[in-house]
Amino acid sequence: MKPANAFLASSAGRCALLCLGLAALLLTAPSCQKVDSGDDPAAIDQGVQGKILFWQGNFMCCPVTGTKKPAARTVFFHELTNLKQAVQHGYSSFFTDIRTRLVATTNSNRMGLYQVRQEPGRYSVFVKEGQRFYANGIDDDGNIQPVQVVAGSVCILDIDITYAAWC
C-alpha cells in the first residue's frame, strides 16, 4: 500500500493540486479598499478597478503551456443581475438579453487595466466578447459576477476570461 503523500508526489497529484489552486484563485471575491490617489488626476476615489486577462491553452498539467495576456475589452456594469434576468448559453459563462439597467461602461487599455467611478451599491460586471457578454462568476444567490461598491472605497475586481483555457 502506498503512503497518502505518494499521490501528491505523482504527476497526477501535482496536477490536481495545481487545478485546485487555480479554481481557488478564480473564485476569490473582489476586495474593496480606501485608495490614496496622490497626485494622479485620472485616479478614482470610489468605484471599481482591475485588470482583465485572457487565458488560452493548457493549464491542466505538466507542463502548463497556456498563456495569460492582458486584454483590451469593453466592460459593462449593470444593476445587480440574477440568472433569472439574463439568458445564459448552456452552462457557459456567456450571456445575452440582460434585463437589468446598464449603469456604466468603460474600456480596458492594452495592458488590461480599467477603472470606473460608481456610486455605492451592488452591480453585475460583464465583458463584451463578440456578440455576447462574458461573466465567469455567480454567487450563492444566483447573482452574476457581483461586485459591491462601498462609499469612499475602490473595489479591485480582476477579470479572468477563461473560456479558451482548459484546466
Foldseek 3Di string as FASTA:
>chain_A
DDDPCVLCVDFQNVLVVQVVVVVVVQADAWAKDQDDPDPDPPDDQWFEKEFEWEWAEESRGDVRDIDIATDKWKKWKFAFFFPVQWADDDPAQKTDRRRTHTDDMWIADRRRIDTDHDDFDKIAMWTDDPPITGFDDADPRRTTRIDGIDPRIYIYDYHYNDPNYDD
